[in-house]
Amino acid sequence: MIALLASAIALVLLLLAILHAVWGFGSTWPEANAEALAKRVAGFKGINRMPRPVACFFRSEEHTSELQSRISS
């Protein structure tokens, strides 16, 4: 039972990682454009574009600061 649960969690995490990679390569799925995707994914008012592609691959303080500065503006 624990092995099945662990496998299910691993599968979900793998799918999320793949989705981030797809976004990192420029896809806007499931939205029609980057602005709509940014609003859906970030969930903050004032967001109108996605972070730079590198942010989909490497989480950094710079990425966090970039998101916070967009919210503040």
PDB file of N, CA and C in Angstrom:
ATOM      1  N   MET A   1       0.816  -1.196   0.000  1.00  0.00           N
ATOM      2  CA  MET A   1       0.000   0.000   0.000  1.00  0.00           C
ATOM      3  C   MET A   1       0.865   1.268   0.000  1.00  0.00           C
ATOM      4  N   ILE A   2       1.900   1.277   0.820  1.00  0.00           N
ATOM      5  CA  ILE A   2       2.777   2.441   0.877  1.00  0.00           C
ATOM      6  C   ILE A   2       3.526   2.610  -0.445  1.00  0.00           C
ATOM      7  N   ALA A   3       3.928   1.504  -1.056  1.00  0.00           N
ATOM      8  CA  ALA A   3       4.628   1.572  -2.334  1.00  0.00           C
ATOM      9  C   ALA A   3       3.713   2.149  -3.412  1.00  0.00           C
ATOM     10  N   LEU A   4       2.440   1.795  -3.380  1.00  0.00           N
ATOM     11  CA  LEU A   4       1.485   2.325  -4.349  1.00  0.00           C
ATOM     12  C   LEU A   4       1.287   3.826  -4.154  1.00  0.00           C
ATOM     13  N   LEU A   5       1.151   4.246  -2.924  1.00  0.00           N
ATOM     14  CA  LEU A   5       1.012   5.669  -2.615  1.00  0.00           C
ATOM     15  C   LEU A   5       2.261   6.443  -3.042  1.00  0.00           C
ATOM     16  N   ALA A   6       3.427   5.899  -2.749  1.00  0.00           N
ATOM     17  CA  ALA A   6       4.682   6.546  -3.137  1.00  0.00           C
ATOM     18  C   ALA A   6       4.790   6.655  -4.653  1.00  0.00           C
ATOM     19  N   SER A   7       4.373   5.620  -5.362  1.00  0.00           N
ATOM     20  CA  SER A   7       4.402   5.645  -6.834  1.00  0.00           C
ATOM     21  C   SER A   7       3.446   6.698  -7.378  1.00  0.00           C
ATOM     22  N   ALA A   8       2.274   6.808  -6.781  1.00  0.00           N
ATOM     23  CA  ALA A   8       1.301   7.803  -7.228  1.00  0.00           C
ATOM     24  C   ALA A   8       1.829   9.218  -7.008  1.00  0.00           C
ATOM     25  N   ILE A   9       2.416   9.456  -5.860  1.00  0.00           N
ATOM     26  CA  ILE A   9       2.992  10.775  -5.573  1.00  0.00           C
ATOM     27  C   ILE A   9       4.132  11.081  -6.531  1.00  0.00           C
ATOM     28  N   ALA A  10       4.982  10.103  -6.792  1.00  0.00           N
ATOM     29  CA  ALA A  10       6.100  10.296  -7.719  1.00  0.00           C
ATOM     30  C   ALA A  10       5.586  10.620  -9.120  1.00  0.00           C
ATOM     31  N   LEU A  11       4.513   9.967  -9.534  1.00  0.00           N
ATOM     32  CA  LEU A  11       3.941  10.226 -10.853  1.00  0.00           C
ATOM     33  C   LEU A  11       3.402  11.650 -10.947  1.00  0.00           C
ATOM     34  N   VAL A  12       2.703  12.096  -9.930  1.00  0.00           N
ATOM     35  CA  VAL A  12       2.176  13.467  -9.911  1.00  0.00           C
ATOM     36  C   VAL A  12       3.322  14.480  -9.979  1.00  0.00           C
ATOM     37  N   LEU A  13       4.367  14.261  -9.201  1.00  0.00           N
ATOM     38  CA  LEU A  13       5.513  15.177  -9.218  1.00  0.00           C
ATOM     39  C   LEU A  13       6.207  15.172 -10.577  1.00  0.00           C
ATOM     40  N   LEU A  14       6.311  13.999 -11.196  1.00  0.00           N
ATOM     41  CA  LEU A  14       6.914  13.905 -12.532  1.00  0.00           C
ATOM     42  C   LEU A  14       6.087  14.699 -13.541  1.00  0.00           C
ATOM     43  N   LEU A  15       4.777  14.550 -13.488  1.00  0.00           N
ATOM     44  CA  LEU A  15       3.913  15.287 -14.413  1.00  0.00           C
ATOM     45  C   LEU A  15       4.019  16.795 -14.208  1.00  0.00           C
ATOM     46  N   LEU A  16       4.112  17.232 -12.961  1.00  0.00           N
ATOM     47  CA  LEU A  16       4.302  18.663 -12.691  1.00  0.00           C
ATOM     48  C   LEU A  16       5.646  19.162 -13.228  1.00  0.00           C
ATOM     49  N   ALA A  17       6.674  18.352 -13.078  1.00  0.00           N
ATOM     50  CA  ALA A  17       7.998  18.723 -13.597  1.00  0.00           C
ATOM     51  C   ALA A  17       7.967  18.835 -15.118  1.00  0.00           C
ATOM     52  N   ILE A  18       7.283  17.906 -15.763  1.00  0.00           N
ATOM     53  CA  ILE A  18       7.160  17.954 -17.227  1.00  0.00           C
ATOM     54  C   ILE A  18       6.407  19.207 -17.655  1.00  0.00           C
ATOM     55  N   LEU A  19       5.334  19.536 -16.937  1.00  0.00           N
ATOM     56  CA  LEU A  19       4.571  20.740 -17.258  1.00  0.00           C
ATOM     57  C   LEU A  19       5.433  21.989 -17.129  1.00  0.00           C
ATOM     58  N   HIS A  20       6.239  22.079 -16.086  1.00  0.00           N
ATOM     59  CA  HIS A  20       7.134  23.229 -15.930  1.00  0.00           C
ATOM     60  C   HIS A  20       8.153  23.289 -17.064  1.00  0.00           C
ATOM     61  N   ALA A  21       8.650  22.141 -17.490  1.00  0.00           N
ATOM     62  CA  ALA A  21       9.597  22.117 -18.608  1.00  0.00           C
ATOM     63  C   ALA A  21       8.923  22.589 -19.892  1.00  0.00           C
ATOM     64  N   VAL A  22       7.693  22.162 -20.121  1.00  0.00           N
ATOM     65  CA  VAL A  22       6.952  22.602 -21.310  1.00  0.00           C
ATOM     66  C   VAL A  22       6.768  24.111 -21.287  1.00  0.00           C
ATOM     67  N   TRP A  23       6.400  24.656 -20.121  1.00  0.00           N
ATOM     68  CA  TRP A  23       6.284  26.113 -20.000  1.00  0.00           C
ATOM     69  C   TRP A  23       7.635  26.781 -20.199  1.00  0.00           C
ATOM     70  N   GLY A  24       8.694  26.163 -19.710  1.00  0.00           N
ATOM     71  CA  GLY A  24      10.034  26.714 -19.860  1.00  0.00           C
ATOM     72  C   GLY A  24      10.473  26.824 -21.303  1.00  0.00           C
ATOM     73  N   PHE A  25       9.944  25.934 -22.142  1.00  0.00           N
ATOM     74  CA  PHE A  25      10.274  25.972 -23.561  1.00  0.00           C
ATOM     75  C   PHE A  25       9.323  26.857 -24.360  1.00  0.00           C
ATOM     76  N   GLY A  26       8.434  27.578 -23.638  1.00  0.00           N
ATOM     77  CA  GLY A  26       7.621  28.587 -24.298  1.00  0.00           C
ATOM     78  C   GLY A  26       6.165  28.248 -24.546  1.00  0.00           C
ATOM     79  N   SER A  27       5.708  27.064 -24.180  1.00  0.00           N
ATOM     80  CA  SER A  27       4.312  26.715 -24.387  1.00  0.00           C
ATOM     81  C   SER A  27       3.425  27.515 -23.436  1.00  0.00           C
ATOM     82  N   THR A  28       2.228  27.851 -23.883  1.00  0.00           N
ATOM     83  CA  THR A  28       1.276  28.531 -23.024  1.00  0.00           C
ATOM     84  C   THR A  28       0.107  27.618 -22.648  1.00  0.00           C
ATOM     85  N   TRP A  29       0.228  26.334 -22.914  1.00  0.00           N
ATOM     86  CA  TRP A  29      -0.839  25.384 -22.579  1.00  0.00           C
ATOM     87  C   TRP A  29      -1.091  25.408 -21.092  1.00  0.00           C
ATOM     88  N   PRO A  30      -2.260  25.442 -20.628  1.00  0.00           N
ATOM     89  CA  PRO A  30      -3.563  25.249 -21.272  1.00  0.00           C
ATOM     90  C   PRO A  30      -4.241  26.545 -21.708  1.00  0.00           C
ATOM     91  N   GLU A  31      -3.556  27.645 -21.648  1.00  0.00           N
ATOM     92  CA  GLU A  31      -4.138  28.934 -22.035  1.00  0.00           C
ATOM     93  C   GLU A  31      -3.764  29.284 -23.469  1.00  0.00           C
ATOM     94  N   ALA A  32      -4.462  30.268 -24.013  1.00  0.00           N
ATOM     95  CA  ALA A  32      -4.230  30.674 -25.398  1.00  0.00           C
ATOM     96  C   ALA A  32      -3.013  31.584 -25.559  1.00  0.00           C
ATOM     97  N   ASN A  33      -2.656  32.322 -24.482  1.00  0.00           N
ATOM     98  CA  ASN A  33      -1.521  33.238 -24.598  1.00  0.00           C
ATOM     99  C   ASN A  33      -0.793  33.328 -23.256  1.00  0.00           C
ATOM    100  N   ALA A  34       0.364  33.960 -23.301  1.00  0.00           N
ATOM    101  CA  ALA A  34       1.227  34.032 -22.115  1.00  0.00           C
ATOM    102  C   ALA A  34       0.602  34.847 -20.988  1.00  0.00           C
ATOM    103  N   GLU A  35      -0.126  35.896 -21.320  1.00  0.00           N
ATOM    104  CA  GLU A  35      -0.739  36.722 -20.275  1.00  0.00           C
ATOM    105  C   GLU A  35      -1.789  35.924 -19.497  1.00  0.00           C
ATOM    106  N   ALA A  36      -2.631  35.201 -20.204  1.00  0.00           N
ATOM    107  CA  ALA A  36      -3.659  34.388 -19.542  1.00  0.00           C
ATOM    108  C   ALA A  36      -3.018  33.283 -18.699  1.00  0.00           C
ATOM    109  N   LEU A  37      -1.946  32.693 -19.212  1.00  0.00           N
ATOM    110  CA  LEU A  37      -1.243  31.653 -18.468  1.00  0.00           C
ATOM    111  C   LEU A  37      -0.629  32.226 -17.192  1.00  0.00           C
ATOM    112  N   ALA A  38      -0.017  33.391 -17.288  1.00  0.00           N
ATOM    113  CA  ALA A  38       0.607  34.014 -16.117  1.00  0.00           C
ATOM    114  C   ALA A  38      -0.431  34.295 -15.035  1.00  0.00           C
ATOM    115  N   LYS A  39      -1.583  34.786 -15.438  1.00  0.00           N
ATOM    116  CA  LYS A  39      -2.643  35.076 -14.462  1.00  0.00           C
ATOM    117  C   LYS A  39      -3.142  33.794 -13.805  1.00  0.00           C
ATOM    118  N   ARG A  40      -3.284  32.723 -14.578  1.00  0.00           N
ATOM    119  CA  ARG A  40      -3.782  31.469 -14.025  1.00  0.00           C
ATOM    120  C   ARG A  40      -2.753  30.803 -13.117  1.00  0.00           C
ATOM    121  N   VAL A  41      -1.514  30.772 -13.546  1.00  0.00           N
ATOM    122  CA  VAL A  41      -0.477  30.055 -12.799  1.00  0.00           C
ATOM    123  C   VAL A  41      -0.037  30.824 -11.561  1.00  0.00           C
ATOM    124  N   ALA A  42       0.236  32.114 -11.719  1.00  0.00           N
ATOM    125  CA  ALA A  42       0.732  32.902 -10.592  1.00  0.00           C
ATOM    126  C   ALA A  42      -0.366  33.185  -9.584  1.00  0.00           C
ATOM    127  N   GLY A  43      -1.547  33.471 -10.060  1.00  0.00           N
ATOM    128  CA  GLY A  43      -2.661  33.733  -9.171  1.00  0.00           C
ATOM    129  C   GLY A  43      -2.616  35.071  -8.457  1.00  0.00           C
ATOM    130  N   PHE A  44      -1.785  35.991  -8.946  1.00  0.00           N
ATOM    131  CA  PHE A  44      -1.678  37.316  -8.346  1.00  0.00           C
ATOM    132  C   PHE A  44      -2.254  38.353  -9.287  1.00  0.00           C
ATOM    133  N   LYS A  45      -2.888  39.360  -8.742  1.00  0.00           N
ATOM    134  CA  LYS A  45      -3.333  40.479  -9.568  1.00  0.00           C
ATOM    135  C   LYS A  45      -2.097  41.242 -10.026  1.00  0.00           C
ATOM    136  N   GLY A  46      -2.153  41.783 -11.207  1.00  0.00           N
ATOM    137  CA  GLY A  46      -1.051  42.574 -11.723  1.00  0.00           C
ATOM    138  C   GLY A  46      -0.019  41.769 -12.500  1.00  0.00           C
ATOM    139  N   ILE A  47      -0.145  40.462 -12.517  1.00  0.00           N
ATOM    140  CA  ILE A  47       0.784  39.634 -13.293  1.00  0.00           C
ATOM    141  C   ILE A  47       0.293  39.618 -14.730  1.00  0.00           C
ATOM    142  N   ASN A  48       1.158  39.986 -15.678  1.00  0.00           N
ATOM    143  CA  ASN A  48       0.728  39.967 -17.073  1.00  0.00           C
ATOM    144  C   ASN A  48       1.704  39.224 -17.987  1.00  0.00           C
ATOM    145  N   ARG A  49       2.741  38.647 -17.394  1.00  0.00           N
ATOM    146  CA  ARG A  49       3.644  37.820 -18.206  1.00  0.00           C
ATOM    147  C   ARG A  49       4.308  36.785 -17.312  1.00  0.00           C
ATOM    148  N   MET A  50       4.735  35.720 -17.941  1.00  0.00           N
ATOM    149  CA  MET A  50       5.397  34.641 -17.215  1.00  0.00           C
ATOM    150  C   MET A  50       6.833  35.046 -16.889  1.00  0.00           C
ATOM    151  N   PRO A  51       7.406  34.458 -15.847  1.00  0.00           N
ATOM    152  CA  PRO A  51       8.822  34.704 -15.570  1.00  0.00           C
ATOM    153  C   PRO A  51       9.678  34.193 -16.726  1.00  0.00           C
ATOM    154  N   ARG A  52      10.916  34.603 -16.720  1.00  0.00           N
ATOM    155  CA  ARG A  52      11.824  34.146 -17.770  1.00  0.00           C
ATOM    156  C   ARG A  52      11.882  32.619 -17.799  1.00  0.00           C
ATOM    157  N   PRO A  53      12.142  32.019 -18.960  1.00  0.00           N
ATOM    158  CA  PRO A  53      12.164  30.558 -19.080  1.00  0.00           C
ATOM    159  C   PRO A  53      13.091  29.865 -18.081  1.00  0.00           C
ATOM    160  N   VAL A  54      14.199  30.467 -17.747  1.00  0.00           N
ATOM    161  CA  VAL A  54      15.131  29.836 -16.822  1.00  0.00           C
ATOM    162  C   VAL A  54      14.477  29.593 -15.455  1.00  0.00           C
ATOM    163  N   ALA A  55      13.493  30.411 -15.112  1.00  0.00           N
ATOM    164  CA  ALA A  55      12.816  30.255 -13.826  1.00  0.00           C
ATOM    165  C   ALA A  55      12.014  28.960 -13.760  1.00  0.00           C
ATOM    166  N   CYS A  56      11.631  28.415 -14.909  1.00  0.00           N
ATOM    167  CA  CYS A  56      10.915  27.135 -14.918  1.00  0.00           C
ATOM    168  C   CYS A  56      11.844  25.975 -14.614  1.00  0.00           C
ATOM    169  N   PHE A  57      13.139  26.175 -14.782  1.00  0.00           N
ATOM    170  CA  PHE A  57      14.101  25.105 -14.569  1.00  0.00           C
ATOM    171  C   PHE A  57      14.871  25.243 -13.271  1.00  0.00           C
ATOM    172  N   PHE A  58      15.102  26.469 -12.834  1.00  0.00           N
ATOM    173  CA  PHE A  58      15.898  26.707 -11.631  1.00  0.00           C
ATOM    174  C   PHE A  58      15.171  27.678 -10.717  1.00  0.00           C
ATOM    175  N   ARG A  59      14.816  27.233  -9.564  1.00  0.00           N
ATOM    176  CA  ARG A  59      14.162  28.103  -8.577  1.00  0.00           C
ATOM    177  C   ARG A  59      15.253  28.889  -7.878  1.00  0.00           C
ATOM    178  N   SER A  60      15.102  30.179  -7.832  1.00  0.00           N
ATOM    179  CA  SER A  60      16.139  31.007  -7.223  1.00  0.00           C
ATOM    180  C   SER A  60      15.527  32.186  -6.496  1.00  0.00           C
ATOM    181  N   GLU A  61      16.326  32.820  -5.689  1.00  0.00           N
ATOM    182  CA  GLU A  61      15.888  34.040  -5.015  1.00  0.00           C
ATOM    183  C   GLU A  61      15.606  35.134  -6.037  1.00  0.00           C
ATOM    184  N   GLU A  62      16.377  35.141  -7.115  1.00  0.00           N
ATOM    185  CA  GLU A  62      16.164  36.137  -8.158  1.00  0.00           C
ATOM    186  C   GLU A  62      14.770  35.981  -8.753  1.00  0.00           C
ATOM    187  N   HIS A  63      14.356  34.741  -8.996  1.00  0.00           N
ATOM    188  CA  HIS A  63      13.029  34.463  -9.541  1.00  0.00           C
ATOM    189  C   HIS A  63      11.954  34.937  -8.565  1.00  0.00           C
ATOM    190  N   THR A  64      12.117  34.644  -7.288  1.00  0.00           N
ATOM    191  CA  THR A  64      11.159  35.069  -6.282  1.00  0.00           C
ATOM    192  C   THR A  64      11.070  36.589  -6.231  1.00  0.00           C
ATOM    193  N   SER A  65      12.212  37.270  -6.275  1.00  0.00           N
ATOM    194  CA  SER A  65      12.231  38.731  -6.273  1.00  0.00           C
ATOM    195  C   SER A  65      11.561  39.298  -7.507  1.00  0.00           C
ATOM    196  N   GLU A  66      11.755  38.618  -8.659  1.00  0.00           N
ATOM    197  CA  GLU A  66      11.152  39.067  -9.899  1.00  0.00           C
ATOM    198  C   GLU A  66       9.625  39.012  -9.794  1.00  0.00           C
ATOM    199  N   LEU A  67       9.099  37.939  -9.253  1.00  0.00           N
ATOM    200  CA  LEU A  67       7.648  37.819  -9.075  1.00  0.00           C
ATOM    201  C   LEU A  67       7.128  38.867  -8.098  1.00  0.00           C
ATOM    202  N   GLN A  68       7.820  39.066  -6.989  1.00  0.00           N
ATOM    203  CA  GLN A  68       7.389  40.039  -5.993  1.00  0.00           C
ATOM    204  C   GLN A  68       7.410  41.453  -6.546  1.00  0.00           C
ATOM    205  N   SER A  69       8.403  41.778  -7.370  1.00  0.00           N
ATOM    206  CA  SER A  69       8.466  43.127  -7.929  1.00  0.00           C
ATOM    207  C   SER A  69       7.328  43.361  -8.918  1.00  0.00           C
ATOM    208  N   ARG A  70       6.888  42.319  -9.607  1.00  0.00           N
ATOM    209  CA  ARG A  70       5.764  42.477 -10.528  1.00  0.00           C
ATOM    210  C   ARG A  70       4.473  42.715  -9.779  1.00  0.00           C
ATOM    211  N   ILE A  71       4.336  42.104  -8.626  1.00  0.00           N
ATOM    212  CA  ILE A  71       3.136  42.270  -7.829  1.00  0.00           C
ATOM    213  C   ILE A  71       3.078  43.678  -7.249  1.00  0.00           C
ATOM    214  N   SER A  72       4.240  44.183  -6.823  1.00  0.00           N
ATOM    215  CA  SER A  72       4.321  45.497  -6.198  1.00  0.00           C
ATOM    216  C   SER A  72       4.103  46.637  -7.189  1.00  0.00           C
ATOM    217  N   SER A  73       4.452  46.389  -8.453  1.00  0.00           N
ATOM    218  CA  SER A  73       4.377  47.458  -9.458  1.00  0.00           C
ATOM    219  C   SER A  73       2.965  47.812  -9.829  1.00  0.00           C
TER     220      SER A  73
END
